[in-house]
Structure formats: structure tokens, C-alpha cells
Amino acid sequence: MDEEQFLERAQQFALHLAELQSRLDPASYDLLLRILHGVNEAIVGRSSGGATGIDVPVTALDRDLFTPALGRELAELTSLLGPHGLQLIVEFGDQQERDRREVEAIARASGMDPGGT
């Protein structure tokens, strides 16, 4: 990608991000910015030979906010970041299941029945 193409894509990125700021609710926009910050860290890590994955902590509210529409907007933005775009994979992991198992283990260790019976 030459400098002119880079500048054009950067301008498209900035315009799209500004449009999203006016269209999205503040919490969704904040989530989008946190994810983009993580993407930036991955790009910097990749160019310096470091880690290329990111881990953005998310809350239960964040999971609700990360709708398919927000995912499409994120994919659109990240496609503008590299010469061939970036591939973005979002995995939430099963935090709820891990939390449930941990609570059950604590209950068992305390002599309680984790099933509640």
C-alpha cells in the first residue's frame, strides 16, 4: 500500500469512526474504542515481533452491547487498517460457565450442596 492509499484509508477510518460516535449509544461506542485500542496493541506487537493476539476484558453488559451490527461495524473499521485489511475474530469464552463451576467448587469446599438441595 502506498502512502496515498494509506492516507485515504486512514481518512475513511476516521470518518466512519466519527459517524459511529454520533450514531451509537455511548456505552457501545466506548466498547468499540476499547476493542480498537486492543487491535492497535496487536498491530504494534506484530510489527515489533511481539504478540499479535489481544485480550480485551468485557463485562456482561459488554457482551449484550456486542451485537452482530456492532461486530459488522468493527469488521468494517478493521478492514481499513492494513494493506489487505485485518481478520478479526471475536471470542468471548465461556466466563459464565467458569464462574458457575468456581461457585460450585466453593460451595462444596464449604460443605454446602452446590445443587441447592
PDB file of N, CA and C in Angstrom:
ATOM      1  N   MET A   1       0.863  -1.156   0.000  1.00  0.00           N
ATOM      2  CA  MET A   1       0.000   0.000   0.000  1.00  0.00           C
ATOM      3  C   MET A   1       0.914   1.225   0.000  1.00  0.00           C
ATOM      4  N   ASP A   2       0.677   2.118  -0.945  1.00  0.00           N
ATOM      5  CA  ASP A   2       1.498   3.324  -0.988  1.00  0.00           C
ATOM      6  C   ASP A   2       0.938   4.367  -0.013  1.00  0.00           C
ATOM      7  N   GLU A   3       1.668   5.467   0.123  1.00  0.00           N
ATOM      8  CA  GLU A   3       1.296   6.485   1.105  1.00  0.00           C
ATOM      9  C   GLU A   3      -0.072   7.100   0.808  1.00  0.00           C
ATOM     10  N   GLU A   4      -0.374   7.299  -0.455  1.00  0.00           N
ATOM     11  CA  GLU A   4      -1.666   7.889  -0.827  1.00  0.00           C
ATOM     12  C   GLU A   4      -2.822   6.965  -0.433  1.00  0.00           C
ATOM     13  N   GLN A   5      -2.656   5.662  -0.687  1.00  0.00           N
ATOM     14  CA  GLN A   5      -3.691   4.699  -0.300  1.00  0.00           C
ATOM     15  C   GLN A   5      -3.840   4.650   1.218  1.00  0.00           C
ATOM     16  N   PHE A   6      -2.704   4.682   1.915  1.00  0.00           N
ATOM     17  CA  PHE A   6      -2.735   4.663   3.377  1.00  0.00           C
ATOM     18  C   PHE A   6      -3.514   5.865   3.909  1.00  0.00           C
ATOM     19  N   LEU A   7      -3.222   7.046   3.376  1.00  0.00           N
ATOM     20  CA  LEU A   7      -3.894   8.260   3.841  1.00  0.00           C
ATOM     21  C   LEU A   7      -5.387   8.220   3.526  1.00  0.00           C
ATOM     22  N   GLU A   8      -5.745   7.695   2.371  1.00  0.00           N
ATOM     23  CA  GLU A   8      -7.163   7.586   2.012  1.00  0.00           C
ATOM     24  C   GLU A   8      -7.896   6.641   2.962  1.00  0.00           C
ATOM     25  N   ARG A   9      -7.267   5.505   3.270  1.00  0.00           N
ATOM     26  CA  ARG A   9      -7.899   4.548   4.189  1.00  0.00           C
ATOM     27  C   ARG A   9      -7.978   5.116   5.601  1.00  0.00           C
ATOM     28  N   ALA A  10      -6.945   5.850   6.015  1.00  0.00           N
ATOM     29  CA  ALA A  10      -6.963   6.473   7.343  1.00  0.00           C
ATOM     30  C   ALA A  10      -8.086   7.496   7.434  1.00  0.00           C
ATOM     31  N   GLN A  11      -8.293   8.248   6.358  1.00  0.00           N
ATOM     32  CA  GLN A  11      -9.372   9.223   6.335  1.00  0.00           C
ATOM     33  C   GLN A  11     -10.733   8.516   6.387  1.00  0.00           C
ATOM     34  N   GLN A  12     -10.888   7.429   5.633  1.00  0.00           N
ATOM     35  CA  GLN A  12     -12.143   6.665   5.664  1.00  0.00           C
ATOM     36  C   GLN A  12     -12.399   6.122   7.067  1.00  0.00           C
ATOM     37  N   PHE A  13     -11.337   5.627   7.714  1.00  0.00           N
ATOM     38  CA  PHE A  13     -11.441   5.106   9.070  1.00  0.00           C
ATOM     39  C   PHE A  13     -11.934   6.205  10.007  1.00  0.00           C
ATOM     40  N   ALA A  14     -11.296   7.381   9.957  1.00  0.00           N
ATOM     41  CA  ALA A  14     -11.654   8.491  10.843  1.00  0.00           C
ATOM     42  C   ALA A  14     -13.093   8.959  10.598  1.00  0.00           C
ATOM     43  N   LEU A  15     -13.487   9.044   9.347  1.00  0.00           N
ATOM     44  CA  LEU A  15     -14.856   9.468   9.034  1.00  0.00           C
ATOM     45  C   LEU A  15     -15.886   8.461   9.529  1.00  0.00           C
ATOM     46  N   HIS A  16     -15.603   7.180   9.319  1.00  0.00           N
ATOM     47  CA  HIS A  16     -16.543   6.141   9.758  1.00  0.00           C
ATOM     48  C   HIS A  16     -16.633   6.130  11.288  1.00  0.00           C
ATOM     49  N   LEU A  17     -15.501   6.278  11.947  1.00  0.00           N
ATOM     50  CA  LEU A  17     -15.497   6.289  13.407  1.00  0.00           C
ATOM     51  C   LEU A  17     -16.285   7.494  13.938  1.00  0.00           C
ATOM     52  N   ALA A  18     -16.123   8.648  13.319  1.00  0.00           N
ATOM     53  CA  ALA A  18     -16.867   9.837  13.736  1.00  0.00           C
ATOM     54  C   ALA A  18     -18.372   9.642  13.524  1.00  0.00           C
ATOM     55  N   GLU A  19     -18.727   9.008  12.424  1.00  0.00           N
ATOM     56  CA  GLU A  19     -20.140   8.738  12.153  1.00  0.00           C
ATOM     57  C   GLU A  19     -20.707   7.786  13.204  1.00  0.00           C
ATOM     58  N   LEU A  20     -19.914   6.793  13.584  1.00  0.00           N
ATOM     59  CA  LEU A  20     -20.368   5.845  14.609  1.00  0.00           C
ATOM     60  C   LEU A  20     -20.530   6.525  15.961  1.00  0.00           C
ATOM     61  N   GLN A  21     -19.663   7.472  16.264  1.00  0.00           N
ATOM     62  CA  GLN A  21     -19.766   8.184  17.541  1.00  0.00           C
ATOM     63  C   GLN A  21     -21.097   8.922  17.639  1.00  0.00           C
ATOM     64  N   SER A  22     -21.555   9.459  16.525  1.00  0.00           N
ATOM     65  CA  SER A  22     -22.823  10.181  16.562  1.00  0.00           C
ATOM     66  C   SER A  22     -24.028   9.245  16.507  1.00  0.00           C
ATOM     67  N   ARG A  23     -23.827   8.027  16.020  1.00  0.00           N
ATOM     68  CA  ARG A  23     -24.945   7.099  15.835  1.00  0.00           C
ATOM     69  C   ARG A  23     -25.108   6.101  16.979  1.00  0.00           C
ATOM     70  N   LEU A  24     -24.011   5.668  17.585  1.00  0.00           N
ATOM     71  CA  LEU A  24     -24.074   4.647  18.637  1.00  0.00           C
ATOM     72  C   LEU A  24     -24.348   5.262  19.994  1.00  0.00           C
ATOM     73  N   ASP A  25     -24.918   4.463  20.879  1.00  0.00           N
ATOM     74  CA  ASP A  25     -25.060   4.925  22.257  1.00  0.00           C
ATOM     75  C   ASP A  25     -23.661   4.970  22.877  1.00  0.00           C
ATOM     76  N   PRO A  26     -23.463   5.799  23.906  1.00  0.00           N
ATOM     77  CA  PRO A  26     -22.127   5.978  24.481  1.00  0.00           C
ATOM     78  C   PRO A  26     -21.466   4.681  24.967  1.00  0.00           C
ATOM     79  N   ALA A  27     -22.227   3.779  25.560  1.00  0.00           N
ATOM     80  CA  ALA A  27     -21.643   2.536  26.068  1.00  0.00           C
ATOM     81  C   ALA A  27     -21.138   1.654  24.920  1.00  0.00           C
ATOM     82  N   SER A  28     -21.888   1.570  23.830  1.00  0.00           N
ATOM     83  CA  SER A  28     -21.460   0.780  22.675  1.00  0.00           C
ATOM     84  C   SER A  28     -20.233   1.402  22.022  1.00  0.00           C
ATOM     85  N   TYR A  29     -20.227   2.720  21.934  1.00  0.00           N
ATOM     86  CA  TYR A  29     -19.078   3.408  21.340  1.00  0.00           C
ATOM     87  C   TYR A  29     -17.836   3.201  22.200  1.00  0.00           C
ATOM     88  N   ASP A  30     -17.992   3.257  23.516  1.00  0.00           N
ATOM     89  CA  ASP A  30     -16.868   3.017  24.426  1.00  0.00           C
ATOM     90  C   ASP A  30     -16.319   1.599  24.240  1.00  0.00           C
ATOM     91  N   LEU A  31     -17.197   0.623  24.133  1.00  0.00           N
ATOM     92  CA  LEU A  31     -16.769  -0.755  23.895  1.00  0.00           C
ATOM     93  C   LEU A  31     -16.001  -0.849  22.584  1.00  0.00           C
ATOM     94  N   LEU A  32     -16.508  -0.220  21.555  1.00  0.00           N
ATOM     95  CA  LEU A  32     -15.843  -0.215  20.258  1.00  0.00           C
ATOM     96  C   LEU A  32     -14.439   0.380  20.384  1.00  0.00           C
ATOM     97  N   LEU A  33     -14.301   1.479  21.092  1.00  0.00           N
ATOM     98  CA  LEU A  33     -12.985   2.112  21.269  1.00  0.00           C
ATOM     99  C   LEU A  33     -12.028   1.212  22.055  1.00  0.00           C
ATOM    100  N   ARG A  34     -12.547   0.534  23.090  1.00  0.00           N
ATOM    101  CA  ARG A  34     -11.680  -0.368  23.859  1.00  0.00           C
ATOM    102  C   ARG A  34     -11.169  -1.518  22.991  1.00  0.00           C
ATOM    103  N   ILE A  35     -12.041  -2.049  22.142  1.00  0.00           N
ATOM    104  CA  ILE A  35     -11.629  -3.130  21.251  1.00  0.00           C
ATOM    105  C   ILE A  35     -10.615  -2.611  20.234  1.00  0.00           C
ATOM    106  N   LEU A  36     -10.869  -1.428  19.685  1.00  0.00           N
ATOM    107  CA  LEU A  36      -9.936  -0.849  18.718  1.00  0.00           C
ATOM    108  C   LEU A  36      -8.586  -0.558  19.359  1.00  0.00           C
ATOM    109  N   HIS A  37      -8.579  -0.172  20.619  1.00  0.00           N
ATOM    110  CA  HIS A  37      -7.314   0.031  21.343  1.00  0.00           C
ATOM    111  C   HIS A  37      -6.544  -1.291  21.411  1.00  0.00           C
ATOM    112  N   GLY A  38      -7.256  -2.367  21.692  1.00  0.00           N
ATOM    113  CA  GLY A  38      -6.616  -3.683  21.721  1.00  0.00           C
ATOM    114  C   GLY A  38      -6.094  -4.083  20.350  1.00  0.00           C
ATOM    115  N   VAL A  39      -6.855  -3.782  19.304  1.00  0.00           N
ATOM    116  CA  VAL A  39      -6.414  -4.076  17.942  1.00  0.00           C
ATOM    117  C   VAL A  39      -5.135  -3.305  17.643  1.00  0.00           C
ATOM    118  N   ASN A  40      -5.081  -2.043  18.065  1.00  0.00           N
ATOM    119  CA  ASN A  40      -3.879  -1.242  17.869  1.00  0.00           C
ATOM    120  C   ASN A  40      -2.687  -1.872  18.573  1.00  0.00           C
ATOM    121  N   GLU A  41      -2.891  -2.356  19.796  1.00  0.00           N
ATOM    122  CA  GLU A  41      -1.801  -3.020  20.525  1.00  0.00           C
ATOM    123  C   GLU A  41      -1.326  -4.261  19.772  1.00  0.00           C
ATOM    124  N   ALA A  42      -2.254  -4.999  19.179  1.00  0.00           N
ATOM    125  CA  ALA A  42      -1.878  -6.197  18.422  1.00  0.00           C
ATOM    126  C   ALA A  42      -1.078  -5.822  17.174  1.00  0.00           C
ATOM    127  N   ILE A  43      -1.466  -4.741  16.506  1.00  0.00           N
ATOM    128  CA  ILE A  43      -0.739  -4.299  15.312  1.00  0.00           C
ATOM    129  C   ILE A  43       0.676  -3.879  15.697  1.00  0.00           C
ATOM    130  N   VAL A  44       0.797  -3.119  16.774  1.00  0.00           N
ATOM    131  CA  VAL A  44       2.117  -2.687  17.241  1.00  0.00           C
ATOM    132  C   VAL A  44       2.947  -3.902  17.642  1.00  0.00           C
ATOM    133  N   GLY A  45       2.323  -4.848  18.335  1.00  0.00           N
ATOM    134  CA  GLY A  45       3.030  -6.067  18.733  1.00  0.00           C
ATOM    135  C   GLY A  45       3.501  -6.858  17.532  1.00  0.00           C
ATOM    136  N   ARG A  46       2.659  -6.937  16.527  1.00  0.00           N
ATOM    137  CA  ARG A  46       3.001  -7.680  15.307  1.00  0.00           C
ATOM    138  C   ARG A  46       4.186  -7.037  14.598  1.00  0.00           C
ATOM    139  N   SER A  47       4.187  -5.713  14.490  1.00  0.00           N
ATOM    140  CA  SER A  47       5.267  -5.039  13.782  1.00  0.00           C
ATOM    141  C   SER A  47       6.578  -5.091  14.551  1.00  0.00           C
ATOM    142  N   SER A  48       6.513  -5.290  15.869  1.00  0.00           N
ATOM    143  CA  SER A  48       7.741  -5.377  16.652  1.00  0.00           C
ATOM    144  C   SER A  48       8.121  -6.827  16.963  1.00  0.00           C
ATOM    145  N   GLY A  49       7.401  -7.769  16.370  1.00  0.00           N
ATOM    146  CA  GLY A  49       7.710  -9.180  16.582  1.00  0.00           C
ATOM    147  C   GLY A  49       7.137  -9.755  17.861  1.00  0.00           C
ATOM    148  N   GLY A  50       6.266  -9.019  18.514  1.00  0.00           N
ATOM    149  CA  GLY A  50       5.653  -9.478  19.757  1.00  0.00           C
ATOM    150  C   GLY A  50       4.353 -10.217  19.517  1.00  0.00           C
ATOM    151  N   ALA A  51       3.561 -10.280  20.560  1.00  0.00           N
ATOM    152  CA  ALA A  51       2.279 -10.981  20.488  1.00  0.00           C
ATOM    153  C   ALA A  51       1.334 -10.278  19.528  1.00  0.00           C
ATOM    154  N   THR A  52       0.513 -11.058  18.847  1.00  0.00           N
ATOM    155  CA  THR A  52      -0.435 -10.481  17.894  1.00  0.00           C
ATOM    156  C   THR A  52      -1.871 -10.636  18.354  1.00  0.00           C
ATOM    157  N   GLY A  53      -2.109 -11.380  19.398  1.00  0.00           N
ATOM    158  CA  GLY A  53      -3.462 -11.524  19.913  1.00  0.00           C
ATOM    159  C   GLY A  53      -3.739 -10.452  20.941  1.00  0.00           C
ATOM    160  N   ILE A  54      -4.989 -10.217  21.186  1.00  0.00           N
ATOM    161  CA  ILE A  54      -5.377  -9.246  22.207  1.00  0.00           C
ATOM    162  C   ILE A  54      -6.409  -9.869  23.118  1.00  0.00           C
ATOM    163  N   ASP A  55      -6.485  -9.351  24.307  1.00  0.00           N
ATOM    164  CA  ASP A  55      -7.488  -9.792  25.263  1.00  0.00           C
ATOM    165  C   ASP A  55      -8.101  -8.536  25.865  1.00  0.00           C
ATOM    166  N   VAL A  56      -9.297  -8.213  25.444  1.00  0.00           N
ATOM    167  CA  VAL A  56      -9.992  -7.036  25.948  1.00  0.00           C
ATOM    168  C   VAL A  56     -10.991  -7.521  26.996  1.00  0.00           C
ATOM    169  N   PRO A  57     -10.790  -7.130  28.254  1.00  0.00           N
ATOM    170  CA  PRO A  57     -11.749  -7.556  29.275  1.00  0.00           C
ATOM    171  C   PRO A  57     -13.149  -7.023  28.962  1.00  0.00           C
ATOM    172  N   VAL A  58     -14.138  -7.896  29.071  1.00  0.00           N
ATOM    173  CA  VAL A  58     -15.521  -7.489  28.810  1.00  0.00           C
ATOM    174  C   VAL A  58     -16.399  -7.892  29.986  1.00  0.00           C
ATOM    175  N   THR A  59     -17.405  -7.095  30.200  1.00  0.00           N
ATOM    176  CA  THR A  59     -18.380  -7.369  31.249  1.00  0.00           C
ATOM    177  C   THR A  59     -19.609  -8.022  30.623  1.00  0.00           C
ATOM    178  N   ALA A  60     -20.543  -8.406  31.463  1.00  0.00           N
ATOM    179  CA  ALA A  60     -21.799  -8.960  30.951  1.00  0.00           C
ATOM    180  C   ALA A  60     -22.533  -7.922  30.103  1.00  0.00           C
ATOM    181  N   LEU A  61     -22.472  -6.662  30.513  1.00  0.00           N
ATOM    182  CA  LEU A  61     -23.098  -5.597  29.728  1.00  0.00           C
ATOM    183  C   LEU A  61     -22.424  -5.481  28.358  1.00  0.00           C
ATOM    184  N   ASP A  62     -21.078  -5.577  28.346  1.00  0.00           N
ATOM    185  CA  ASP A  62     -20.352  -5.517  27.075  1.00  0.00           C
ATOM    186  C   ASP A  62     -20.818  -6.625  26.133  1.00  0.00           C
ATOM    187  N   ARG A  63     -21.023  -7.806  26.678  1.00  0.00           N
ATOM    188  CA  ARG A  63     -21.493  -8.923  25.850  1.00  0.00           C
ATOM    189  C   ARG A  63     -22.853  -8.601  25.230  1.00  0.00           C
ATOM    190  N   ASP A  64     -23.701  -7.972  26.002  1.00  0.00           N
ATOM    191  CA  ASP A  64     -25.018  -7.578  25.482  1.00  0.00           C
ATOM    192  C   ASP A  64     -24.883  -6.492  24.413  1.00  0.00           C
ATOM    193  N   LEU A  65     -23.926  -5.600  24.616  1.00  0.00           N
ATOM    194  CA  LEU A  65     -23.727  -4.496  23.671  1.00  0.00           C
ATOM    195  C   LEU A  65     -23.089  -4.947  22.370  1.00  0.00           C
ATOM    196  N   PHE A  66     -22.324  -6.045  22.431  1.00  0.00           N
ATOM    197  CA  PHE A  66     -21.621  -6.502  21.229  1.00  0.00           C
ATOM    198  C   PHE A  66     -22.600  -7.285  20.352  1.00  0.00           C
ATOM    199  N   THR A  67     -23.422  -6.552  19.655  1.00  0.00           N
ATOM    200  CA  THR A  67     -24.432  -7.126  18.769  1.00  0.00           C
ATOM    201  C   THR A  67     -23.798  -7.482  17.429  1.00  0.00           C
ATOM    202  N   PRO A  68     -24.467  -8.280  16.624  1.00  0.00           N
ATOM    203  CA  PRO A  68     -23.955  -8.536  15.273  1.00  0.00           C
ATOM    204  C   PRO A  68     -23.707  -7.243  14.490  1.00  0.00           C
ATOM    205  N   ALA A  69     -24.564  -6.245  14.679  1.00  0.00           N
ATOM    206  CA  ALA A  69     -24.384  -4.964  13.976  1.00  0.00           C
ATOM    207  C   ALA A  69     -23.094  -4.274  14.422  1.00  0.00           C
ATOM    208  N   LEU A  70     -22.808  -4.293  15.721  1.00  0.00           N
ATOM    209  CA  LEU A  70     -21.564  -3.692  16.211  1.00  0.00           C
ATOM    210  C   LEU A  70     -20.366  -4.486  15.699  1.00  0.00           C
ATOM    211  N   GLY A  71     -20.505  -5.792  15.636  1.00  0.00           N
ATOM    212  CA  GLY A  71     -19.437  -6.631  15.085  1.00  0.00           C
ATOM    213  C   GLY A  71     -19.159  -6.296  13.626  1.00  0.00           C
ATOM    214  N   ARG A  72     -20.205  -6.039  12.861  1.00  0.00           N
ATOM    215  CA  ARG A  72     -20.017  -5.657  11.448  1.00  0.00           C
ATOM    216  C   ARG A  72     -19.312  -4.304  11.332  1.00  0.00           C
ATOM    217  N   GLU A  73     -19.679  -3.377  12.201  1.00  0.00           N
ATOM    218  CA  GLU A  73     -19.012  -2.067  12.184  1.00  0.00           C
ATOM    219  C   GLU A  73     -17.537  -2.214  12.539  1.00  0.00           C
ATOM    220  N   LEU A  74     -17.253  -3.046  13.517  1.00  0.00           N
ATOM    221  CA  LEU A  74     -15.867  -3.296  13.911  1.00  0.00           C
ATOM    222  C   LEU A  74     -15.084  -3.933  12.765  1.00  0.00           C
ATOM    223  N   ALA A  75     -15.698  -4.883  12.091  1.00  0.00           N
ATOM    224  CA  ALA A  75     -15.045  -5.529  10.945  1.00  0.00           C
ATOM    225  C   ALA A  75     -14.783  -4.519   9.835  1.00  0.00           C
ATOM    226  N   GLU A  76     -15.740  -3.619   9.611  1.00  0.00           N
ATOM    227  CA  GLU A  76     -15.572  -2.571   8.594  1.00  0.00           C
ATOM    228  C   GLU A  76     -14.389  -1.675   8.945  1.00  0.00           C
ATOM    229  N   LEU A  77     -14.312  -1.267  10.201  1.00  0.00           N
ATOM    230  CA  LEU A  77     -13.209  -0.404  10.623  1.00  0.00           C
ATOM    231  C   LEU A  77     -11.865  -1.118  10.502  1.00  0.00           C
ATOM    232  N   THR A  78     -11.792  -2.350  10.968  1.00  0.00           N
ATOM    233  CA  THR A  78     -10.507  -3.055  10.929  1.00  0.00           C
ATOM    234  C   THR A  78     -10.081  -3.384   9.511  1.00  0.00           C
ATOM    235  N   SER A  79     -11.034  -3.498   8.598  1.00  0.00           N
ATOM    236  CA  SER A  79     -10.660  -3.777   7.206  1.00  0.00           C
ATOM    237  C   SER A  79      -9.879  -2.619   6.600  1.00  0.00           C
ATOM    238  N   LEU A  80      -9.997  -1.447   7.201  1.00  0.00           N
ATOM    239  CA  LEU A  80      -9.283  -0.267   6.696  1.00  0.00           C
ATOM    240  C   LEU A  80      -7.885  -0.118   7.284  1.00  0.00           C
ATOM    241  N   LEU A  81      -7.507  -1.005   8.200  1.00  0.00           N
ATOM    242  CA  LEU A  81      -6.255  -0.808   8.939  1.00  0.00           C
ATOM    243  C   LEU A  81      -5.008  -1.425   8.327  1.00  0.00           C
ATOM    244  N   GLY A  82      -5.139  -2.299   7.380  1.00  0.00           N
ATOM    245  CA  GLY A  82      -3.957  -2.934   6.834  1.00  0.00           C
ATOM    246  C   GLY A  82      -3.995  -2.974   5.330  1.00  0.00           C
ATOM    247  N   PRO A  83      -2.875  -3.390   4.709  1.00  0.00           N
ATOM    248  CA  PRO A  83      -2.837  -3.410   3.247  1.00  0.00           C
ATOM    249  C   PRO A  83      -3.887  -4.338   2.656  1.00  0.00           C
ATOM    250  N   HIS A  84      -4.182  -5.401   3.347  1.00  0.00           N
ATOM    251  CA  HIS A  84      -5.214  -6.332   2.897  1.00  0.00           C
ATOM    252  C   HIS A  84      -6.305  -6.433   3.953  1.00  0.00           C
ATOM    253  N   GLY A  85      -6.358  -5.451   4.809  1.00  0.00           N
ATOM    254  CA  GLY A  85      -7.307  -5.498   5.911  1.00  0.00           C
ATOM    255  C   GLY A  85      -6.819  -6.463   6.982  1.00  0.00           C
ATOM    256  N   LEU A  86      -7.529  -6.539   8.031  1.00  0.00           N
ATOM    257  CA  LEU A  86      -7.207  -7.440   9.128  1.00  0.00           C
ATOM    258  C   LEU A  86      -8.342  -8.424   9.302  1.00  0.00           C
ATOM    259  N   GLN A  87      -7.993  -9.599   9.755  1.00  0.00           N
ATOM    260  CA  GLN A  87      -9.030 -10.566  10.090  1.00  0.00           C
ATOM    261  C   GLN A  87      -9.267 -10.458  11.582  1.00  0.00           C
ATOM    262  N   LEU A  88     -10.472 -10.201  11.953  1.00  0.00           N
ATOM    263  CA  LEU A  88     -10.823 -10.030  13.349  1.00  0.00           C
ATOM    264  C   LEU A  88     -11.691 -11.195  13.787  1.00  0.00           C
ATOM    265  N   ILE A  89     -11.256 -11.859  14.834  1.00  0.00           N
ATOM    266  CA  ILE A  89     -12.020 -12.969  15.398  1.00  0.00           C
ATOM    267  C   ILE A  89     -12.364 -12.594  16.827  1.00  0.00           C
ATOM    268  N   VAL A  90     -13.637 -12.587  17.136  1.00  0.00           N
ATOM    269  CA  VAL A  90     -14.085 -12.236  18.477  1.00  0.00           C
ATOM    270  C   VAL A  90     -14.550 -13.503  19.167  1.00  0.00           C
ATOM    271  N   GLU A  91     -13.919 -13.799  20.284  1.00  0.00           N
ATOM    272  CA  GLU A  91     -14.318 -14.944  21.095  1.00  0.00           C
ATOM    273  C   GLU A  91     -14.547 -14.451  22.515  1.00  0.00           C
ATOM    274  N   PHE A  92     -15.690 -14.756  23.048  1.00  0.00           N
ATOM    275  CA  PHE A  92     -15.992 -14.317  24.391  1.00  0.00           C
ATOM    276  C   PHE A  92     -15.603 -15.340  25.440  1.00  0.00           C
ATOM    277  N   GLY A  93     -15.306 -16.556  25.038  1.00  0.00           N
ATOM    278  CA  GLY A  93     -15.021 -17.567  26.036  1.00  0.00           C
ATOM    279  C   GLY A  93     -16.274 -17.823  26.854  1.00  0.00           C
ATOM    280  N   ASP A  94     -16.221 -18.799  27.705  1.00  0.00           N
ATOM    281  CA  ASP A  94     -17.418 -19.113  28.475  1.00  0.00           C
ATOM    282  C   ASP A  94     -17.191 -18.720  29.923  1.00  0.00           C
ATOM    283  N   GLN A  95     -17.094 -17.416  30.175  1.00  0.00           N
ATOM    284  CA  GLN A  95     -16.843 -16.906  31.519  1.00  0.00           C
ATOM    285  C   GLN A  95     -17.955 -17.315  32.469  1.00  0.00           C
ATOM    286  N   GLN A  96     -19.196 -17.298  31.997  1.00  0.00           N
ATOM    287  CA  GLN A  96     -20.317 -17.655  32.863  1.00  0.00           C
ATOM    288  C   GLN A  96     -20.174 -19.091  33.367  1.00  0.00           C
ATOM    289  N   GLU A  97     -19.786 -20.006  32.489  1.00  0.00           N
ATOM    290  CA  GLU A  97     -19.617 -21.400  32.878  1.00  0.00           C
ATOM    291  C   GLU A  97     -18.468 -21.550  33.871  1.00  0.00           C
ATOM    292  N   ARG A  98     -17.364 -20.839  33.629  1.00  0.00           N
ATOM    293  CA  ARG A  98     -16.233 -20.897  34.576  1.00  0.00           C
ATOM    294  C   ARG A  98     -16.652 -20.362  35.931  1.00  0.00           C
ATOM    295  N   ASP A  99     -17.413 -19.264  35.937  1.00  0.00           N
ATOM    296  CA  ASP A  99     -17.881 -18.690  37.199  1.00  0.00           C
ATOM    297  C   ASP A  99     -18.780 -19.670  37.941  1.00  0.00           C
ATOM    298  N   ARG A 100     -19.692 -20.331  37.210  1.00  0.00           N
ATOM    299  CA  ARG A 100     -20.602 -21.295  37.840  1.00  0.00           C
ATOM    300  C   ARG A 100     -19.829 -22.437  38.482  1.00  0.00           C
ATOM    301  N   ARG A 101     -18.819 -22.966  37.760  1.00  0.00           N
ATOM    302  CA  ARG A 101     -18.018 -24.071  38.306  1.00  0.00           C
ATOM    303  C   ARG A 101     -17.240 -23.633  39.544  1.00  0.00           C
ATOM    304  N   GLU A 102     -16.726 -22.400  39.513  1.00  0.00           N
ATOM    305  CA  GLU A 102     -15.970 -21.898  40.655  1.00  0.00           C
ATOM    306  C   GLU A 102     -16.873 -21.752  41.885  1.00  0.00           C
ATOM    307  N   VAL A 103     -18.078 -21.213  41.675  1.00  0.00           N
ATOM    308  CA  VAL A 103     -19.017 -21.065  42.790  1.00  0.00           C
ATOM    309  C   VAL A 103     -19.395 -22.441  43.348  1.00  0.00           C
ATOM    310  N   GLU A 104     -19.636 -23.404  42.472  1.00  0.00           N
ATOM    311  CA  GLU A 104     -19.957 -24.759  42.940  1.00  0.00           C
ATOM    312  C   GLU A 104     -18.797 -25.355  43.726  1.00  0.00           C
ATOM    313  N   ALA A 105     -17.571 -25.149  43.277  1.00  0.00           N
ATOM    314  CA  ALA A 105     -16.407 -25.673  43.994  1.00  0.00           C
ATOM    315  C   ALA A 105     -16.288 -25.029  45.372  1.00  0.00           C
ATOM    316  N   ILE A 106     -16.545 -23.740  45.459  1.00  0.00           N
ATOM    317  CA  ILE A 106     -16.506 -23.049  46.750  1.00  0.00           C
ATOM    318  C   ILE A 106     -17.590 -23.594  47.666  1.00  0.00           C
ATOM    319  N   ALA A 107     -18.779 -23.818  47.102  1.00  0.00           N
ATOM    320  CA  ALA A 107     -19.877 -24.368  47.902  1.00  0.00           C
ATOM    321  C   ALA A 107     -19.515 -25.749  48.437  1.00  0.00           C
ATOM    322  N   ARG A 108     -18.957 -26.609  47.582  1.00  0.00           N
ATOM    323  CA  ARG A 108     -18.559 -27.959  48.026  1.00  0.00           C
ATOM    324  C   ARG A 108     -17.500 -27.878  49.108  1.00  0.00           C
ATOM    325  N   ALA A 109     -16.501 -26.991  48.918  1.00  0.00           N
ATOM    326  CA  ALA A 109     -15.424 -26.851  49.901  1.00  0.00           C
ATOM    327  C   ALA A 109     -15.967 -26.343  51.235  1.00  0.00           C
ATOM    328  N   SER A 110     -17.083 -25.642  51.212  1.00  0.00           N
ATOM    329  CA  SER A 110     -17.692 -25.102  52.427  1.00  0.00           C
ATOM    330  C   SER A 110     -18.671 -26.090  53.045  1.00  0.00           C
ATOM    331  N   GLY A 111     -18.798 -27.268  52.428  1.00  0.00           N
ATOM    332  CA  GLY A 111     -19.714 -28.271  52.946  1.00  0.00           C
ATOM    333  C   GLY A 111     -21.155 -28.076  52.516  1.00  0.00           C
ATOM    334  N   MET A 112     -21.369 -27.205  51.537  1.00  0.00           N
ATOM    335  CA  MET A 112     -22.717 -26.955  51.051  1.00  0.00           C
ATOM    336  C   MET A 112     -22.990 -27.796  49.820  1.00  0.00           C
ATOM    337  N   ASP A 113     -24.257 -28.006  49.532  1.00  0.00           N
ATOM    338  CA  ASP A 113     -24.655 -28.729  48.329  1.00  0.00           C
ATOM    339  C   ASP A 113     -24.764 -27.713  47.187  1.00  0.00           C
ATOM    340  N   PRO A 114     -23.881 -27.789  46.165  1.00  0.00           N
ATOM    341  CA  PRO A 114     -23.933 -26.801  45.095  1.00  0.00           C
ATOM    342  C   PRO A 114     -25.226 -26.866  44.284  1.00  0.00           C
ATOM    343  N   GLY A 115     -25.941 -27.986  44.368  1.00  0.00           N
ATOM    344  CA  GLY A 115     -27.213 -28.114  43.658  1.00  0.00           C
ATOM    345  C   GLY A 115     -28.351 -27.414  44.369  1.00  0.00           C
ATOM    346  N   GLY A 116     -28.114 -26.998  45.599  1.00  0.00           N
ATOM    347  CA  GLY A 116     -29.130 -26.277  46.350  1.00  0.00           C
ATOM    348  C   GLY A 116     -30.187 -27.140  46.996  1.00  0.00           C
ATOM    349  N   THR A 117     -29.958 -28.454  47.034  1.00  0.00           N
ATOM    350  CA  THR A 117     -30.975 -29.325  47.640  1.00  0.00           C
ATOM    351  C   THR A 117     -30.599 -29.710  49.042  1.00  0.00           C
TER     352      THR A 117
END
